[in-house]
Structures are given as structure tokens and as C-alpha cells.
Amino acid sequence: MIFALSTDTLSTMRIRKFLLRFLAIYAAAFVLVYLIPEHIHRRDFDRAFFAWLHDRTPQNEAALRSEQRKNEMIKLVDTALVALVIVTLGSVIYWIGRFVQHKVDRRRSNGSAQNPLVR
């Protein structure tokens, strides 16, 4: 019973450690991707901007601000997806490298155990 409790604790600690690392790396990737300038060209925004430019009424300004918020939300969603793709690809490359390195080390250790004088 005590052994089962300790393995559960260890597995939750590993999961927490993994999630904290993932979130830290994702946050860093999100910030870096967010700093990349992005140009979102939407016709609705163009219409609202030109309407505001030619006739600066509160209604046109409200429409322009609404379209700006939509552009900001599009940028946030794009940034979140790009950061997730970058972190996922980086993780996959890292784990494949670890897997290959482990296989190479295992083969080297098995080969040297059979023929200790041959390197």
C-alpha cells in the first residue's frame, strides 16, 4: 500500500514537472512569436478605417475600434497556434534525438561487452 502511494506521488511529480516545463517553454515561444510583426489585411477593417478617415464620427470610431479588436484577437490566436506548433516540433525533434542517442549508446555498450578489445 505504501509503495503504491509513493509511485502515485512520483508520477504526479513527473507530470507536474513536465507541465511546468511545457508551460514555461510555451510562454517563451508565445512571447517570441508575438514580437514578430504581423500584417492582417481584412476588408471590414479597411472599410471601417476609410469611413473613419473621411467622417470622424463616434459611430465610425466605434466601428474602427471593434475591427481593431478583431484584428488583435486574430493575432493572438495565430500567435498561440504558431507557438504551439514550434513547441511541439521542438519536443518531437528532442525526443527523437534522445531515442536515437539511447539506441546508439545501447548498441555501443552491447558491442563492447562482446568484444572488449575492439572499438
C-alpha atoms as a PDB file:
ATOM      1  CA  MET A   1       0.000   0.000   0.000  1.00  0.00           C
ATOM      2  CA  ILE A   2       2.808   2.420   0.847  1.00  0.00           C
ATOM      3  CA  PHE A   3       4.638   1.513  -2.354  1.00  0.00           C
ATOM      4  CA  ALA A   4       1.555   2.266  -4.458  1.00  0.00           C
ATOM      5  CA  LEU A   5       1.189   5.618  -2.747  1.00  0.00           C
ATOM      6  CA  SER A   6       4.814   6.561  -3.416  1.00  0.00           C
ATOM      7  CA  THR A   7       4.621   5.646  -7.121  1.00  0.00           C
ATOM      8  CA  ASP A   8       1.479   7.735  -7.478  1.00  0.00           C
ATOM      9  CA  THR A   9       3.285  10.653  -5.869  1.00  0.00           C
ATOM     10  CA  LEU A  10       6.270  10.191  -8.163  1.00  0.00           C
ATOM     11  CA  SER A  11       4.127  10.020 -11.267  1.00  0.00           C
ATOM     12  CA  THR A  12       2.228  13.178 -10.312  1.00  0.00           C
ATOM     13  CA  MET A  13       5.538  14.912  -9.621  1.00  0.00           C
ATOM     14  CA  ARG A  14       6.779  13.909 -13.084  1.00  0.00           C
ATOM     15  CA  ILE A  15       3.569  15.134 -14.673  1.00  0.00           C
ATOM     16  CA  ARG A  16       3.813  18.434 -12.794  1.00  0.00           C
ATOM     17  CA  LYS A  17       7.447  18.848 -13.800  1.00  0.00           C
ATOM     18  CA  PHE A  18       6.602  18.102 -17.436  1.00  0.00           C
ATOM     19  CA  LEU A  19       3.655  20.517 -17.444  1.00  0.00           C
ATOM     20  CA  LEU A  20       5.649  23.304 -15.795  1.00  0.00           C
ATOM     21  CA  ARG A  21       8.461  22.903 -18.308  1.00  0.00           C
ATOM     22  CA  PHE A  22       5.994  22.786 -21.183  1.00  0.00           C
ATOM     23  CA  LEU A  23       4.198  25.914 -19.976  1.00  0.00           C
ATOM     24  CA  ALA A  24       7.464  27.799 -19.467  1.00  0.00           C
ATOM     25  CA  ILE A  25       8.721  26.881 -22.938  1.00  0.00           C
ATOM     26  CA  TYR A  26       5.307  27.642 -24.457  1.00  0.00           C
ATOM     27  CA  ALA A  27       5.177  31.043 -22.734  1.00  0.00           C
ATOM     28  CA  ALA A  28       8.642  31.913 -24.033  1.00  0.00           C
ATOM     29  CA  ALA A  29       7.712  30.778 -27.555  1.00  0.00           C
ATOM     30  CA  PHE A  30       4.445  32.732 -27.356  1.00  0.00           C
ATOM     31  CA  VAL A  31       6.274  35.936 -26.413  1.00  0.00           C
ATOM     32  CA  LEU A  32       8.853  35.482 -29.163  1.00  0.00           C
ATOM     33  CA  VAL A  33       6.212  34.778 -31.807  1.00  0.00           C
ATOM     34  CA  TYR A  34       4.076  37.694 -30.582  1.00  0.00           C
ATOM     35  CA  LEU A  35       7.022  40.060 -31.111  1.00  0.00           C
ATOM     36  CA  ILE A  36       7.137  39.174 -34.810  1.00  0.00           C
ATOM     37  CA  PRO A  37       5.241  41.859 -36.722  1.00  0.00           C
ATOM     38  CA  GLU A  38       2.148  40.581 -38.476  1.00  0.00           C
ATOM     39  CA  HIS A  39       0.034  42.346 -41.065  1.00  0.00           C
ATOM     40  CA  ILE A  40      -3.619  41.335 -41.066  1.00  0.00           C
ATOM     41  CA  HIS A  41      -5.445  42.688 -44.088  1.00  0.00           C
ATOM     42  CA  ARG A  42      -9.215  42.486 -43.766  1.00  0.00           C
ATOM     43  CA  ARG A  43     -11.781  44.270 -45.924  1.00  0.00           C
ATOM     44  CA  ASP A  44     -14.020  45.031 -42.931  1.00  0.00           C
ATOM     45  CA  PHE A  45     -11.165  46.837 -41.224  1.00  0.00           C
ATOM     46  CA  ASP A  46     -10.361  48.750 -44.414  1.00  0.00           C
ATOM     47  CA  ARG A  47     -13.981  49.864 -44.768  1.00  0.00           C
ATOM     48  CA  ALA A  48     -14.138  50.953 -41.119  1.00  0.00           C
ATOM     49  CA  PHE A  49     -10.822  52.798 -41.406  1.00  0.00           C
ATOM     50  CA  PHE A  50     -11.762  54.698 -44.565  1.00  0.00           C
ATOM     51  CA  ALA A  51     -15.189  55.532 -43.135  1.00  0.00           C
ATOM     52  CA  TRP A  52     -13.479  56.903 -40.007  1.00  0.00           C
ATOM     53  CA  LEU A  53     -10.853  58.720 -42.085  1.00  0.00           C
ATOM     54  CA  HIS A  54     -13.439  60.546 -44.218  1.00  0.00           C
ATOM     55  CA  ASP A  55     -16.039  61.098 -41.489  1.00  0.00           C
ATOM     56  CA  ARG A  56     -14.729  61.098 -37.914  1.00  0.00           C
ATOM     57  CA  THR A  57     -17.944  60.458 -36.055  1.00  0.00           C
ATOM     58  CA  PRO A  58     -18.253  58.460 -32.813  1.00  0.00           C
ATOM     59  CA  GLN A  59     -20.072  55.673 -34.690  1.00  0.00           C
ATOM     60  CA  ASN A  60     -17.249  55.305 -37.208  1.00  0.00           C
ATOM     61  CA  GLU A  61     -14.673  55.404 -34.424  1.00  0.00           C
ATOM     62  CA  ALA A  62     -16.555  52.671 -32.557  1.00  0.00           C
ATOM     63  CA  ALA A  63     -16.672  50.541 -35.709  1.00  0.00           C
ATOM     64  CA  LEU A  64     -12.934  51.080 -36.233  1.00  0.00           C
ATOM     65  CA  ARG A  65     -12.145  50.110 -32.622  1.00  0.00           C
ATOM     66  CA  SER A  66     -14.295  46.993 -32.999  1.00  0.00           C
ATOM     67  CA  GLU A  67     -12.395  45.949 -36.124  1.00  0.00           C
ATOM     68  CA  GLN A  68      -9.073  46.642 -34.372  1.00  0.00           C
ATOM     69  CA  ARG A  69     -10.113  44.333 -31.525  1.00  0.00           C
ATOM     70  CA  LYS A  70     -10.991  41.629 -34.058  1.00  0.00           C
ATOM     71  CA  ASN A  71      -7.523  42.028 -35.612  1.00  0.00           C
ATOM     72  CA  GLU A  72      -5.911  41.754 -32.177  1.00  0.00           C
ATOM     73  CA  MET A  73      -7.849  38.565 -31.435  1.00  0.00           C
ATOM     74  CA  ILE A  74      -6.812  37.102 -34.794  1.00  0.00           C
ATOM     75  CA  LYS A  75      -3.173  37.925 -33.976  1.00  0.00           C
ATOM     76  CA  LEU A  76      -3.451  36.282 -30.536  1.00  0.00           C
ATOM     77  CA  VAL A  77      -4.970  33.110 -31.972  1.00  0.00           C
ATOM     78  CA  ASP A  78      -2.347  32.969 -34.728  1.00  0.00           C
ATOM     79  CA  THR A  79       0.417  33.533 -32.189  1.00  0.00           C
ATOM     80  CA  ALA A  80      -0.916  30.800 -29.898  1.00  0.00           C
ATOM     81  CA  LEU A  81      -1.114  28.294 -32.753  1.00  0.00           C
ATOM     82  CA  VAL A  82       2.327  29.109 -34.144  1.00  0.00           C
ATOM     83  CA  ALA A  83       3.875  28.874 -30.657  1.00  0.00           C
ATOM     84  CA  LEU A  84       2.173  25.510 -30.103  1.00  0.00           C
ATOM     85  CA  VAL A  85       3.480  24.200 -33.422  1.00  0.00           C
ATOM     86  CA  ILE A  86       7.012  25.404 -32.621  1.00  0.00           C
ATOM     87  CA  VAL A  87       6.997  23.813 -29.156  1.00  0.00           C
ATOM     88  CA  THR A  88       5.515  20.567 -30.488  1.00  0.00           C
ATOM     89  CA  LEU A  89       8.042  20.288 -33.314  1.00  0.00           C
ATOM     90  CA  GLY A  90      10.896  21.135 -30.959  1.00  0.00           C
ATOM     91  CA  SER A  91       9.726  18.492 -28.483  1.00  0.00           C
ATOM     92  CA  VAL A  92       9.386  15.846 -31.184  1.00  0.00           C
ATOM     93  CA  ILE A  93      12.872  16.598 -32.515  1.00  0.00           C
ATOM     94  CA  TYR A  94      14.283  16.489 -28.971  1.00  0.00           C
ATOM     95  CA  TRP A  95      12.647  13.140 -28.136  1.00  0.00           C
ATOM     96  CA  ILE A  96      13.704  11.579 -31.454  1.00  0.00           C
ATOM     97  CA  GLY A  97      17.274  12.707 -30.757  1.00  0.00           C
ATOM     98  CA  ARG A  98      17.151  11.188 -27.282  1.00  0.00           C
ATOM     99  CA  PHE A  99      15.712   7.939 -28.658  1.00  0.00           C
ATOM    100  CA  VAL A 100      18.421   7.665 -31.321  1.00  0.00           C
ATOM    101  CA  GLN A 101      21.159   8.521 -28.809  1.00  0.00           C
ATOM    102  CA  HIS A 102      19.837   5.873 -26.426  1.00  0.00           C
ATOM    103  CA  LYS A 103      19.828   3.257 -29.213  1.00  0.00           C
ATOM    104  CA  VAL A 104      23.377   4.177 -30.249  1.00  0.00           C
ATOM    105  CA  ASP A 105      24.620   4.010 -26.649  1.00  0.00           C
ATOM    106  CA  ARG A 106      22.924   0.643 -26.139  1.00  0.00           C
ATOM    107  CA  ARG A 107      24.486  -0.787 -29.309  1.00  0.00           C
ATOM    108  CA  ARG A 108      27.925   0.517 -28.332  1.00  0.00           C
ATOM    109  CA  SER A 109      27.660  -0.971 -24.850  1.00  0.00           C
ATOM    110  CA  ASN A 110      26.461  -4.335 -26.224  1.00  0.00           C
ATOM    111  CA  GLY A 111      29.193  -4.399 -28.870  1.00  0.00           C
ATOM    112  CA  SER A 112      31.980  -3.558 -26.423  1.00  0.00           C
ATOM    113  CA  ALA A 113      30.758  -6.202 -23.956  1.00  0.00           C
ATOM    114  CA  GLN A 114      31.062  -8.908 -26.591  1.00  0.00           C
ATOM    115  CA  ASN A 115      34.432  -7.731 -27.951  1.00  0.00           C
ATOM    116  CA  PRO A 116      36.173  -5.684 -25.247  1.00  0.00           C
ATOM    117  CA  LEU A 117      39.341  -5.123 -27.306  1.00  0.00           C
ATOM    118  CA  VAL A 118      37.550  -3.884 -30.429  1.00  0.00           C
ATOM    119  CA  ARG A 119      36.369  -0.306 -30.510  1.00  0.00           C
END
